[in-house]
Amino acid sequence: MTKEEKYAYWIELAQYDLDSAAAMFSTGRWFYVIFMCQQAIEKCCKGLYTLYIDDNVPKIHNIKTIVSRFKDKLPIAVSEDTLRFLDFLSAQYITYRYPDFEQSPNRQTGEDEAEQI
């Protein structure tokens, strides 16, 4: 596979996750909306890593770290706001993988936050 084909595959996976987020949104499963959005953005960034760096994508989930390795190759600058958002999403990944056992998932995340993400 070429790097472009590998990139396209990552984007296909990301779209699947984004479609899953939309399905979760329609059923009020806010917790998983954000998780699936995080997964979609992580996969998009891993696709860009494949395109700009190589296909040995790091097996990490910190999106900002992944982006920092190729952001200087992008045609547009990555803003500080975007980097903060990527930090937020990475933190959400940990929260959703290791939930607070004292709260139900939908009490940790509301509809407004899910819609915004």
PDB file of N, CA and C in Angstrom:
ATOM      1  N   MET A   1       0.837  -1.191   0.000  1.00  0.00           N
ATOM      2  CA  MET A   1       0.000   0.000   0.000  1.00  0.00           C
ATOM      3  C   MET A   1       0.881   1.253   0.000  1.00  0.00           C
ATOM      4  N   THR A   2       0.434   2.246  -0.720  1.00  0.00           N
ATOM      5  CA  THR A   2       1.140   3.527  -0.710  1.00  0.00           C
ATOM      6  C   THR A   2       0.769   4.282   0.561  1.00  0.00           C
ATOM      7  N   LYS A   3       1.531   5.327   0.861  1.00  0.00           N
ATOM      8  CA  LYS A   3       1.204   6.125   2.045  1.00  0.00           C
ATOM      9  C   LYS A   3      -0.154   6.798   1.884  1.00  0.00           C
ATOM     10  N   GLU A   4      -0.512   7.144   0.651  1.00  0.00           N
ATOM     11  CA  GLU A   4      -1.817   7.754   0.401  1.00  0.00           C
ATOM     12  C   GLU A   4      -2.949   6.754   0.672  1.00  0.00           C
ATOM     13  N   GLU A   5      -2.748   5.504   0.309  1.00  0.00           N
ATOM     14  CA  GLU A   5      -3.756   4.467   0.568  1.00  0.00           C
ATOM     15  C   GLU A   5      -3.878   4.202   2.071  1.00  0.00           C
ATOM     16  N   LYS A   6      -2.752   4.214   2.770  1.00  0.00           N
ATOM     17  CA  LYS A   6      -2.779   4.028   4.218  1.00  0.00           C
ATOM     18  C   LYS A   6      -3.478   5.206   4.900  1.00  0.00           C
ATOM     19  N   TYR A   7      -3.198   6.403   4.401  1.00  0.00           N
ATOM     20  CA  TYR A   7      -3.887   7.593   4.911  1.00  0.00           C
ATOM     21  C   TYR A   7      -5.395   7.440   4.704  1.00  0.00           C
ATOM     22  N   ALA A   8      -5.799   7.035   3.511  1.00  0.00           N
ATOM     23  CA  ALA A   8      -7.223   6.871   3.207  1.00  0.00           C
ATOM     24  C   ALA A   8      -7.866   5.831   4.127  1.00  0.00           C
ATOM     25  N   TYR A   9      -7.136   4.777   4.444  1.00  0.00           N
ATOM     26  CA  TYR A   9      -7.656   3.759   5.350  1.00  0.00           C
ATOM     27  C   TYR A   9      -7.893   4.343   6.749  1.00  0.00           C
ATOM     28  N   TRP A  10      -6.933   5.127   7.271  1.00  0.00           N
ATOM     29  CA  TRP A  10      -7.111   5.774   8.571  1.00  0.00           C
ATOM     30  C   TRP A  10      -8.345   6.683   8.554  1.00  0.00           C
ATOM     31  N   ILE A  11      -8.517   7.408   7.451  1.00  0.00           N
ATOM     32  CA  ILE A  11      -9.666   8.322   7.344  1.00  0.00           C
ATOM     33  C   ILE A  11     -10.973   7.535   7.288  1.00  0.00           C
ATOM     34  N   GLU A  12     -10.964   6.400   6.619  1.00  0.00           N
ATOM     35  CA  GLU A  12     -12.148   5.544   6.584  1.00  0.00           C
ATOM     36  C   GLU A  12     -12.510   5.067   8.000  1.00  0.00           C
ATOM     37  N   LEU A  13     -11.498   4.654   8.760  1.00  0.00           N
ATOM     38  CA  LEU A  13     -11.736   4.250  10.153  1.00  0.00           C
ATOM     39  C   LEU A  13     -12.277   5.415  10.973  1.00  0.00           C
ATOM     40  N   ALA A  14     -11.716   6.602  10.762  1.00  0.00           N
ATOM     41  CA  ALA A  14     -12.161   7.788  11.488  1.00  0.00           C
ATOM     42  C   ALA A  14     -13.620   8.108  11.147  1.00  0.00           C
ATOM     43  N   GLN A  15     -13.982   7.985   9.887  1.00  0.00           N
ATOM     44  CA  GLN A  15     -15.366   8.254   9.482  1.00  0.00           C
ATOM     45  C   GLN A  15     -16.329   7.269  10.130  1.00  0.00           C
ATOM     46  N   TYR A  16     -15.912   6.021  10.224  1.00  0.00           N
ATOM     47  CA  TYR A  16     -16.731   5.007  10.893  1.00  0.00           C
ATOM     48  C   TYR A  16     -16.974   5.403  12.351  1.00  0.00           C
ATOM     49  N   ASP A  17     -15.908   5.858  13.029  1.00  0.00           N
ATOM     50  CA  ASP A  17     -16.043   6.298  14.419  1.00  0.00           C
ATOM     51  C   ASP A  17     -16.940   7.528  14.526  1.00  0.00           C
ATOM     52  N   LEU A  18     -16.813   8.444  13.593  1.00  0.00           N
ATOM     53  CA  LEU A  18     -17.658   9.636  13.601  1.00  0.00           C
ATOM     54  C   LEU A  18     -19.126   9.262  13.359  1.00  0.00           C
ATOM     55  N   ASP A  19     -19.371   8.328  12.460  1.00  0.00           N
ATOM     56  CA  ASP A  19     -20.731   7.837  12.240  1.00  0.00           C
ATOM     57  C   ASP A  19     -21.271   7.160  13.502  1.00  0.00           C
ATOM     58  N   SER A  20     -20.406   6.444  14.202  1.00  0.00           N
ATOM     59  CA  SER A  20     -20.808   5.811  15.462  1.00  0.00           C
ATOM     60  C   SER A  20     -21.156   6.878  16.502  1.00  0.00           C
ATOM     61  N   ALA A  21     -20.385   7.966  16.529  1.00  0.00           N
ATOM     62  CA  ALA A  21     -20.685   9.070  17.448  1.00  0.00           C
ATOM     63  C   ALA A  21     -22.065   9.650  17.145  1.00  0.00           C
ATOM     64  N   ALA A  22     -22.375   9.803  15.874  1.00  0.00           N
ATOM     65  CA  ALA A  22     -23.692  10.335  15.492  1.00  0.00           C
ATOM     66  C   ALA A  22     -24.808   9.385  15.936  1.00  0.00           C
ATOM     67  N   ALA A  23     -24.586   8.092  15.799  1.00  0.00           N
ATOM     68  CA  ALA A  23     -25.584   7.107  16.238  1.00  0.00           C
ATOM     69  C   ALA A  23     -25.759   7.172  17.756  1.00  0.00           C
ATOM     70  N   MET A  24     -24.663   7.308  18.476  1.00  0.00           N
ATOM     71  CA  MET A  24     -24.728   7.412  19.930  1.00  0.00           C
ATOM     72  C   MET A  24     -25.437   8.707  20.352  1.00  0.00           C
ATOM     73  N   PHE A  25     -25.206   9.784  19.599  1.00  0.00           N
ATOM     74  CA  PHE A  25     -25.860  11.055  19.908  1.00  0.00           C
ATOM     75  C   PHE A  25     -27.372  10.918  19.766  1.00  0.00           C
ATOM     76  N   SER A  26     -27.804  10.234  18.725  1.00  0.00           N
ATOM     77  CA  SER A  26     -29.248  10.113  18.486  1.00  0.00           C
ATOM     78  C   SER A  26     -29.950   9.284  19.555  1.00  0.00           C
ATOM     79  N   THR A  27     -29.189   8.513  20.318  1.00  0.00           N
ATOM     80  CA  THR A  27     -29.784   7.709  21.394  1.00  0.00           C
ATOM     81  C   THR A  27     -29.472   8.267  22.782  1.00  0.00           C
ATOM     82  N   GLY A  28     -28.818   9.427  22.839  1.00  0.00           N
ATOM     83  CA  GLY A  28     -28.548  10.063  24.122  1.00  0.00           C
ATOM     84  C   GLY A  28     -27.421   9.435  24.915  1.00  0.00           C
ATOM     85  N   ARG A  29     -26.502   8.780  24.246  1.00  0.00           N
ATOM     86  CA  ARG A  29     -25.374   8.142  24.930  1.00  0.00           C
ATOM     87  C   ARG A  29     -24.161   9.069  24.855  1.00  0.00           C
ATOM     88  N   TRP A  30     -24.264  10.168  25.609  1.00  0.00           N
ATOM     89  CA  TRP A  30     -23.310  11.276  25.543  1.00  0.00           C
ATOM     90  C   TRP A  30     -21.877  10.831  25.823  1.00  0.00           C
ATOM     91  N   PHE A  31     -21.711   9.969  26.780  1.00  0.00           N
ATOM     92  CA  PHE A  31     -20.399   9.451  27.163  1.00  0.00           C
ATOM     93  C   PHE A  31     -19.664   8.904  25.933  1.00  0.00           C
ATOM     94  N   TYR A  32     -20.368   8.098  25.150  1.00  0.00           N
ATOM     95  CA  TYR A  32     -19.742   7.471  23.980  1.00  0.00           C
ATOM     96  C   TYR A  32     -19.641   8.408  22.781  1.00  0.00           C
ATOM     97  N   VAL A  33     -20.452   9.437  22.741  1.00  0.00           N
ATOM     98  CA  VAL A  33     -20.311  10.432  21.672  1.00  0.00           C
ATOM     99  C   VAL A  33     -18.901  11.028  21.735  1.00  0.00           C
ATOM    100  N   ILE A  34     -18.527  11.484  22.914  1.00  0.00           N
ATOM    101  CA  ILE A  34     -17.207  12.120  23.052  1.00  0.00           C
ATOM    102  C   ILE A  34     -16.098  11.107  22.844  1.00  0.00           C
ATOM    103  N   PHE A  35     -16.264   9.912  23.376  1.00  0.00           N
ATOM    104  CA  PHE A  35     -15.240   8.876  23.182  1.00  0.00           C
ATOM    105  C   PHE A  35     -15.030   8.589  21.697  1.00  0.00           C
ATOM    106  N   MET A  36     -16.124   8.437  20.962  1.00  0.00           N
ATOM    107  CA  MET A  36     -15.994   8.121  19.527  1.00  0.00           C
ATOM    108  C   MET A  36     -15.442   9.309  18.741  1.00  0.00           C
ATOM    109  N   CYS A  37     -15.780  10.527  19.143  1.00  0.00           N
ATOM    110  CA  CYS A  37     -15.188  11.705  18.493  1.00  0.00           C
ATOM    111  C   CYS A  37     -13.685  11.749  18.752  1.00  0.00           C
ATOM    112  N   GLN A  38     -13.280  11.441  19.985  1.00  0.00           N
ATOM    113  CA  GLN A  38     -11.848  11.392  20.299  1.00  0.00           C
ATOM    114  C   GLN A  38     -11.161  10.358  19.423  1.00  0.00           C
ATOM    115  N   GLN A  39     -11.796   9.203  19.290  1.00  0.00           N
ATOM    116  CA  GLN A  39     -11.208   8.150  18.464  1.00  0.00           C
ATOM    117  C   GLN A  39     -11.104   8.577  17.000  1.00  0.00           C
ATOM    118  N   ALA A  40     -12.128   9.249  16.503  1.00  0.00           N
ATOM    119  CA  ALA A  40     -12.108   9.715  15.110  1.00  0.00           C
ATOM    120  C   ALA A  40     -10.974  10.709  14.879  1.00  0.00           C
ATOM    121  N   ILE A  41     -10.816  11.651  15.794  1.00  0.00           N
ATOM    122  CA  ILE A  41      -9.756  12.655  15.633  1.00  0.00           C
ATOM    123  C   ILE A  41      -8.381  12.010  15.777  1.00  0.00           C
ATOM    124  N   GLU A  42      -8.248  11.088  16.708  1.00  0.00           N
ATOM    125  CA  GLU A  42      -6.970  10.379  16.857  1.00  0.00           C
ATOM    126  C   GLU A  42      -6.610   9.650  15.559  1.00  0.00           C
ATOM    127  N   LYS A  43      -7.579   8.991  14.957  1.00  0.00           N
ATOM    128  CA  LYS A  43      -7.313   8.244  13.717  1.00  0.00           C
ATOM    129  C   LYS A  43      -7.009   9.184  12.551  1.00  0.00           C
ATOM    130  N   CYS A  44      -7.689  10.321  12.482  1.00  0.00           N
ATOM    131  CA  CYS A  44      -7.346  11.315  11.452  1.00  0.00           C
ATOM    132  C   CYS A  44      -5.895  11.753  11.612  1.00  0.00           C
ATOM    133  N   CYS A  45      -5.500  12.012  12.839  1.00  0.00           N
ATOM    134  CA  CYS A  45      -4.127  12.468  13.106  1.00  0.00           C
ATOM    135  C   CYS A  45      -3.116  11.377  12.807  1.00  0.00           C
ATOM    136  N   LYS A  46      -3.462  10.142  13.087  1.00  0.00           N
ATOM    137  CA  LYS A  46      -2.566   9.031  12.751  1.00  0.00           C
ATOM    138  C   LYS A  46      -2.473   8.869  11.236  1.00  0.00           C
ATOM    139  N   GLY A  47      -3.561   9.147  10.539  1.00  0.00           N
ATOM    140  CA  GLY A  47      -3.516   9.148   9.078  1.00  0.00           C
ATOM    141  C   GLY A  47      -2.578  10.223   8.560  1.00  0.00           C
ATOM    142  N   LEU A  48      -2.659  11.412   9.134  1.00  0.00           N
ATOM    143  CA  LEU A  48      -1.754  12.493   8.740  1.00  0.00           C
ATOM    144  C   LEU A  48      -0.306  12.147   9.071  1.00  0.00           C
ATOM    145  N   TYR A  49      -0.091  11.483  10.190  1.00  0.00           N
ATOM    146  CA  TYR A  49       1.256  11.033  10.554  1.00  0.00           C
ATOM    147  C   TYR A  49       1.788  10.096   9.459  1.00  0.00           C
ATOM    148  N   THR A  50       0.933   9.168   9.022  1.00  0.00           N
ATOM    149  CA  THR A  50       1.311   8.236   7.955  1.00  0.00           C
ATOM    150  C   THR A  50       1.665   8.994   6.685  1.00  0.00           C
ATOM    151  N   LEU A  51       0.892   9.997   6.375  1.00  0.00           N
ATOM    152  CA  LEU A  51       1.096  10.763   5.147  1.00  0.00           C
ATOM    153  C   LEU A  51       2.361  11.611   5.215  1.00  0.00           C
ATOM    154  N   TYR A  52       2.590  12.274   6.348  1.00  0.00           N
ATOM    155  CA  TYR A  52       3.698  13.226   6.441  1.00  0.00           C
ATOM    156  C   TYR A  52       4.998  12.664   7.015  1.00  0.00           C
ATOM    157  N   ILE A  53       4.917  11.609   7.823  1.00  0.00           N
ATOM    158  CA  ILE A  53       6.120  11.075   8.475  1.00  0.00           C
ATOM    159  C   ILE A  53       6.437   9.684   7.927  1.00  0.00           C
ATOM    160  N   ASP A  54       5.749   8.685   8.406  1.00  0.00           N
ATOM    161  CA  ASP A  54       5.888   7.322   7.881  1.00  0.00           C
ATOM    162  C   ASP A  54       4.766   6.465   8.428  1.00  0.00           C
ATOM    163  N   ASP A  55       4.740   5.206   8.022  1.00  0.00           N
ATOM    164  CA  ASP A  55       3.624   4.348   8.426  1.00  0.00           C
ATOM    165  C   ASP A  55       3.878   3.608   9.739  1.00  0.00           C
ATOM    166  N   ASN A  56       4.936   3.945  10.426  1.00  0.00           N
ATOM    167  CA  ASN A  56       5.174   3.403  11.761  1.00  0.00           C
ATOM    168  C   ASN A  56       4.536   4.337  12.787  1.00  0.00           C
ATOM    169  N   VAL A  57       3.225   4.354  12.775  1.00  0.00           N
ATOM    170  CA  VAL A  57       2.464   5.255  13.634  1.00  0.00           C
ATOM    171  C   VAL A  57       2.683   4.859  15.092  1.00  0.00           C
ATOM    172  N   PRO A  58       3.022   5.823  15.939  1.00  0.00           N
ATOM    173  CA  PRO A  58       3.230   5.485  17.348  1.00  0.00           C
ATOM    174  C   PRO A  58       1.953   4.938  17.982  1.00  0.00           C
ATOM    175  N   LYS A  59       2.107   3.928  18.795  1.00  0.00           N
ATOM    176  CA  LYS A  59       0.957   3.305  19.458  1.00  0.00           C
ATOM    177  C   LYS A  59       0.693   4.027  20.772  1.00  0.00           C
ATOM    178  N   ILE A  60       0.313   5.286  20.613  1.00  0.00           N
ATOM    179  CA  ILE A  60      -0.011   6.137  21.749  1.00  0.00           C
ATOM    180  C   ILE A  60      -1.362   6.782  21.485  1.00  0.00           C
ATOM    181  N   HIS A  61      -1.934   7.352  22.521  1.00  0.00           N
ATOM    182  CA  HIS A  61      -3.256   7.976  22.376  1.00  0.00           C
ATOM    183  C   HIS A  61      -3.241   9.464  22.649  1.00  0.00           C
ATOM    184  N   ASN A  62      -2.074  10.026  22.912  1.00  0.00           N
ATOM    185  CA  ASN A  62      -1.975  11.454  23.145  1.00  0.00           C
ATOM    186  C   ASN A  62      -1.932  12.157  21.785  1.00  0.00           C
ATOM    187  N   ILE A  63      -3.057  12.711  21.399  1.00  0.00           N
ATOM    188  CA  ILE A  63      -3.203  13.293  20.066  1.00  0.00           C
ATOM    189  C   ILE A  63      -2.238  14.458  19.855  1.00  0.00           C
ATOM    190  N   LYS A  64      -2.077  15.291  20.861  1.00  0.00           N
ATOM    191  CA  LYS A  64      -1.176  16.441  20.737  1.00  0.00           C
ATOM    192  C   LYS A  64       0.258  15.973  20.447  1.00  0.00           C
ATOM    193  N   THR A  65       0.686  14.905  21.082  1.00  0.00           N
ATOM    194  CA  THR A  65       2.026  14.369  20.844  1.00  0.00           C
ATOM    195  C   THR A  65       2.163  13.896  19.399  1.00  0.00           C
ATOM    196  N   ILE A  66       1.141  13.238  18.895  1.00  0.00           N
ATOM    197  CA  ILE A  66       1.171  12.766  17.506  1.00  0.00           C
ATOM    198  C   ILE A  66       1.248  13.959  16.563  1.00  0.00           C
ATOM    199  N   VAL A  67       0.384  14.943  16.765  1.00  0.00           N
ATOM    200  CA  VAL A  67       0.340  16.125  15.906  1.00  0.00           C
ATOM    201  C   VAL A  67       1.653  16.904  15.964  1.00  0.00           C
ATOM    202  N   SER A  68       2.259  16.966  17.138  1.00  0.00           N
ATOM    203  CA  SER A  68       3.506  17.734  17.273  1.00  0.00           C
ATOM    204  C   SER A  68       4.616  17.198  16.372  1.00  0.00           C
ATOM    205  N   ARG A  69       4.507  15.955  15.970  1.00  0.00           N
ATOM    206  CA  ARG A  69       5.541  15.346  15.130  1.00  0.00           C
ATOM    207  C   ARG A  69       5.414  15.698  13.654  1.00  0.00           C
ATOM    208  N   PHE A  70       4.232  16.183  13.235  1.00  0.00           N
ATOM    209  CA  PHE A  70       4.077  16.549  11.824  1.00  0.00           C
ATOM    210  C   PHE A  70       3.510  17.944  11.598  1.00  0.00           C
ATOM    211  N   LYS A  71       3.185  18.676  12.653  1.00  0.00           N
ATOM    212  CA  LYS A  71       2.491  19.967  12.480  1.00  0.00           C
ATOM    213  C   LYS A  71       3.283  20.963  11.648  1.00  0.00           C
ATOM    214  N   ASP A  72       4.608  20.877  11.654  1.00  0.00           N
ATOM    215  CA  ASP A  72       5.418  21.805  10.860  1.00  0.00           C
ATOM    216  C   ASP A  72       5.357  21.489   9.365  1.00  0.00           C
ATOM    217  N   LYS A  73       4.790  20.356   9.011  1.00  0.00           N
ATOM    218  CA  LYS A  73       4.664  19.980   7.601  1.00  0.00           C
ATOM    219  C   LYS A  73       3.292  20.332   7.017  1.00  0.00           C
ATOM    220  N   LEU A  74       2.381  20.770   7.859  1.00  0.00           N
ATOM    221  CA  LEU A  74       1.022  21.093   7.415  1.00  0.00           C
ATOM    222  C   LEU A  74       0.984  22.423   6.664  1.00  0.00           C
ATOM    223  N   PRO A  75       0.041  22.565   5.740  1.00  0.00           N
ATOM    224  CA  PRO A  75      -0.059  23.828   4.992  1.00  0.00           C
ATOM    225  C   PRO A  75      -0.608  24.990   5.822  1.00  0.00           C
ATOM    226  N   ILE A  76      -1.196  24.694   6.974  1.00  0.00           N
ATOM    227  CA  ILE A  76      -1.694  25.751   7.866  1.00  0.00           C
ATOM    228  C   ILE A  76      -1.138  25.502   9.270  1.00  0.00           C
ATOM    229  N   ALA A  77      -1.055  26.556  10.046  1.00  0.00           N
ATOM    230  CA  ALA A  77      -0.540  26.443  11.402  1.00  0.00           C
ATOM    231  C   ALA A  77      -1.582  25.805  12.323  1.00  0.00           C
ATOM    232  N   VAL A  78      -1.106  25.081  13.303  1.00  0.00           N
ATOM    233  CA  VAL A  78      -1.971  24.512  14.330  1.00  0.00           C
ATOM    234  C   VAL A  78      -1.986  25.505  15.491  1.00  0.00           C
ATOM    235  N   SER A  79      -3.152  26.014  15.809  1.00  0.00           N
ATOM    236  CA  SER A  79      -3.263  27.055  16.847  1.00  0.00           C
ATOM    237  C   SER A  79      -3.096  26.473  18.248  1.00  0.00           C
ATOM    238  N   GLU A  80      -2.816  27.367  19.181  1.00  0.00           N
ATOM    239  CA  GLU A  80      -2.724  26.963  20.585  1.00  0.00           C
ATOM    240  C   GLU A  80      -4.074  26.454  21.087  1.00  0.00           C
ATOM    241  N   ASP A  81      -5.165  27.055  20.606  1.00  0.00           N
ATOM    242  CA  ASP A  81      -6.500  26.583  20.980  1.00  0.00           C
ATOM    243  C   ASP A  81      -6.706  25.139  20.527  1.00  0.00           C
ATOM    244  N   THR A  82      -6.269  24.842  19.322  1.00  0.00           N
ATOM    245  CA  THR A  82      -6.393  23.474  18.813  1.00  0.00           C
ATOM    246  C   THR A  82      -5.566  22.516  19.650  1.00  0.00           C
ATOM    247  N   LEU A  83      -4.358  22.908  20.010  1.00  0.00           N
ATOM    248  CA  LEU A  83      -3.509  22.046  20.837  1.00  0.00           C
ATOM    249  C   LEU A  83      -4.135  21.807  22.212  1.00  0.00           C
ATOM    250  N   ARG A  84      -4.755  22.834  22.784  1.00  0.00           N
ATOM    251  CA  ARG A  84      -5.454  22.666  24.069  1.00  0.00           C
ATOM    252  C   ARG A  84      -6.638  21.706  23.917  1.00  0.00           C
ATOM    253  N   PHE A  85      -7.356  21.835  22.811  1.00  0.00           N
ATOM    254  CA  PHE A  85      -8.482  20.937  22.551  1.00  0.00           C
ATOM    255  C   PHE A  85      -7.987  19.496  22.419  1.00  0.00           C
ATOM    256  N   LEU A  86      -6.862  19.298  21.751  1.00  0.00           N
ATOM    257  CA  LEU A  86      -6.306  17.950  21.611  1.00  0.00           C
ATOM    258  C   LEU A  86      -5.909  17.383  22.971  1.00  0.00           C
ATOM    259  N   ASP A  87      -5.379  18.234  23.846  1.00  0.00           N
ATOM    260  CA  ASP A  87      -5.078  17.803  25.220  1.00  0.00           C
ATOM    261  C   ASP A  87      -6.359  17.375  25.941  1.00  0.00           C
ATOM    262  N   PHE A  88      -7.405  18.180  25.774  1.00  0.00           N
ATOM    263  CA  PHE A  88      -8.694  17.864  26.385  1.00  0.00           C
ATOM    264  C   PHE A  88      -9.196  16.501  25.910  1.00  0.00           C
ATOM    265  N   LEU A  89      -9.134  16.267  24.600  1.00  0.00           N
ATOM    266  CA  LEU A  89      -9.609  14.992  24.057  1.00  0.00           C
ATOM    267  C   LEU A  89      -8.789  13.818  24.572  1.00  0.00           C
ATOM    268  N   SER A  90      -7.486  14.007  24.657  1.00  0.00           N
ATOM    269  CA  SER A  90      -6.635  12.925  25.174  1.00  0.00           C
ATOM    270  C   SER A  90      -6.991  12.603  26.617  1.00  0.00           C
ATOM    271  N   ALA A  91      -7.285  13.629  27.399  1.00  0.00           N
ATOM    272  CA  ALA A  91      -7.705  13.414  28.791  1.00  0.00           C
ATOM    273  C   ALA A  91      -9.039  12.676  28.833  1.00  0.00           C
ATOM    274  N   GLN A  92      -9.929  12.984  27.899  1.00  0.00           N
ATOM    275  CA  GLN A  92     -11.216  12.295  27.844  1.00  0.00           C
ATOM    276  C   GLN A  92     -11.027  10.814  27.561  1.00  0.00           C
ATOM    277  N   TYR A  93     -10.073  10.501  26.705  1.00  0.00           N
ATOM    278  CA  TYR A  93      -9.795   9.097  26.388  1.00  0.00           C
ATOM    279  C   TYR A  93      -9.494   8.327  27.674  1.00  0.00           C
ATOM    280  N   ILE A  94      -8.633   8.889  28.507  1.00  0.00           N
ATOM    281  CA  ILE A  94      -8.271   8.231  29.768  1.00  0.00           C
ATOM    282  C   ILE A  94      -9.495   8.126  30.675  1.00  0.00           C
ATOM    283  N   THR A  95     -10.265   9.201  30.760  1.00  0.00           N
ATOM    284  CA  THR A  95     -11.466   9.196  31.593  1.00  0.00           C
ATOM    285  C   THR A  95     -12.435   8.105  31.162  1.00  0.00           C
ATOM    286  N   TYR A  96     -12.592   7.933  29.859  1.00  0.00           N
ATOM    287  CA  TYR A  96     -13.564   6.956  29.370  1.00  0.00           C
ATOM    288  C   TYR A  96     -13.033   5.536  29.440  1.00  0.00           C
ATOM    289  N   ARG A  97     -11.732   5.375  29.339  1.00  0.00           N
ATOM    290  CA  ARG A  97     -11.144   4.041  29.469  1.00  0.00           C
ATOM    291  C   ARG A  97     -11.101   3.598  30.924  1.00  0.00           C
ATOM    292  N   TYR A  98     -10.968   4.550  31.835  1.00  0.00           N
ATOM    293  CA  TYR A  98     -10.868   4.256  33.260  1.00  0.00           C
ATOM    294  C   TYR A  98     -11.872   5.131  34.009  1.00  0.00           C
ATOM    295  N   PRO A  99     -13.161   4.767  33.928  1.00  0.00           N
ATOM    296  CA  PRO A  99     -14.227   5.628  34.461  1.00  0.00           C
ATOM    297  C   PRO A  99     -14.217   5.730  35.983  1.00  0.00           C
ATOM    298  N   ASP A 100     -14.877   6.773  36.437  1.00  0.00           N
ATOM    299  CA  ASP A 100     -15.119   6.993  37.859  1.00  0.00           C
ATOM    300  C   ASP A 100     -16.269   6.068  38.249  1.00  0.00           C
ATOM    301  N   PHE A 101     -16.002   5.141  39.143  1.00  0.00           N
ATOM    302  CA  PHE A 101     -17.013   4.146  39.487  1.00  0.00           C
ATOM    303  C   PHE A 101     -18.135   4.697  40.351  1.00  0.00           C
ATOM    304  N   GLU A 102     -18.003   5.938  40.767  1.00  0.00           N
ATOM    305  CA  GLU A 102     -19.032   6.530  41.605  1.00  0.00           C
ATOM    306  C   GLU A 102     -20.083   7.287  40.804  1.00  0.00           C
ATOM    307  N   GLN A 103     -19.855   7.449  39.504  1.00  0.00           N
ATOM    308  CA  GLN A 103     -20.817   8.166  38.663  1.00  0.00           C
ATOM    309  C   GLN A 103     -21.141   7.326  37.438  1.00  0.00           C
ATOM    310  N   SER A 104     -22.411   7.394  37.015  1.00  0.00           N
ATOM    311  CA  SER A 104     -22.763   6.728  35.769  1.00  0.00           C
ATOM    312  C   SER A 104     -22.158   7.522  34.611  1.00  0.00           C
ATOM    313  N   PRO A 105     -21.907   6.881  33.489  1.00  0.00           N
ATOM    314  CA  PRO A 105     -21.269   7.569  32.366  1.00  0.00           C
ATOM    315  C   PRO A 105     -21.960   8.855  31.930  1.00  0.00           C
ATOM    316  N   ASN A 106     -23.281   8.855  31.826  1.00  0.00           N
ATOM    317  CA  ASN A 106     -23.964  10.045  31.328  1.00  0.00           C
ATOM    318  C   ASN A 106     -24.032  11.160  32.356  1.00  0.00           C
ATOM    319  N   ARG A 107     -23.712  10.904  33.614  1.00  0.00           N
ATOM    320  CA  ARG A 107     -23.620  11.981  34.601  1.00  0.00           C
ATOM    321  C   ARG A 107     -22.292  12.711  34.476  1.00  0.00           C
ATOM    322  N   GLN A 108     -21.306  12.076  33.874  1.00  0.00           N
ATOM    323  CA  GLN A 108     -19.996  12.692  33.671  1.00  0.00           C
ATOM    324  C   GLN A 108     -20.003  13.601  32.450  1.00  0.00           C
ATOM    325  N   THR A 109     -20.902  13.357  31.530  1.00  0.00           N
ATOM    326  CA  THR A 109     -20.956  14.081  30.260  1.00  0.00           C
ATOM    327  C   THR A 109     -22.412  14.406  29.940  1.00  0.00           C
ATOM    328  N   GLY A 110     -22.648  15.637  29.500  1.00  0.00           N
ATOM    329  CA  GLY A 110     -24.011  16.027  29.161  1.00  0.00           C
ATOM    330  C   GLY A 110     -24.200  16.217  27.666  1.00  0.00           C
ATOM    331  N   GLU A 111     -25.435  16.425  27.294  1.00  0.00           N
ATOM    332  CA  GLU A 111     -25.801  16.592  25.889  1.00  0.00           C
ATOM    333  C   GLU A 111     -25.079  17.801  25.267  1.00  0.00           C
ATOM    334  N   ASP A 112     -25.034  18.920  25.984  1.00  0.00           N
ATOM    335  CA  ASP A 112     -24.404  20.126  25.433  1.00  0.00           C
ATOM    336  C   ASP A 112     -22.923  19.877  25.113  1.00  0.00           C
ATOM    337  N   GLU A 113     -22.222  19.247  26.046  1.00  0.00           N
ATOM    338  CA  GLU A 113     -20.801  18.956  25.816  1.00  0.00           C
ATOM    339  C   GLU A 113     -20.630  17.995  24.650  1.00  0.00           C
ATOM    340  N   ALA A 114     -21.454  16.956  24.598  1.00  0.00           N
ATOM    341  CA  ALA A 114     -21.377  15.982  23.513  1.00  0.00           C
ATOM    342  C   ALA A 114     -21.635  16.646  22.160  1.00  0.00           C
ATOM    343  N   GLU A 115     -22.628  17.521  22.111  1.00  0.00           N
ATOM    344  CA  GLU A 115     -22.949  18.214  20.865  1.00  0.00           C
ATOM    345  C   GLU A 115     -21.813  19.129  20.437  1.00  0.00           C
ATOM    346  N   GLN A 116     -21.199  19.820  21.393  1.00  0.00           N
ATOM    347  CA  GLN A 116     -20.101  20.727  21.078  1.00  0.00           C
ATOM    348  C   GLN A 116     -18.905  19.960  20.516  1.00  0.00           C
ATOM    349  N   ILE A 117     -18.570  18.842  21.119  1.00  0.00           N
ATOM    350  CA  ILE A 117     -17.435  18.031  20.664  1.00  0.00           C
ATOM    351  C   ILE A 117     -17.734  17.493  19.279  1.00  0.00           C
TER     352      ILE A 117
END
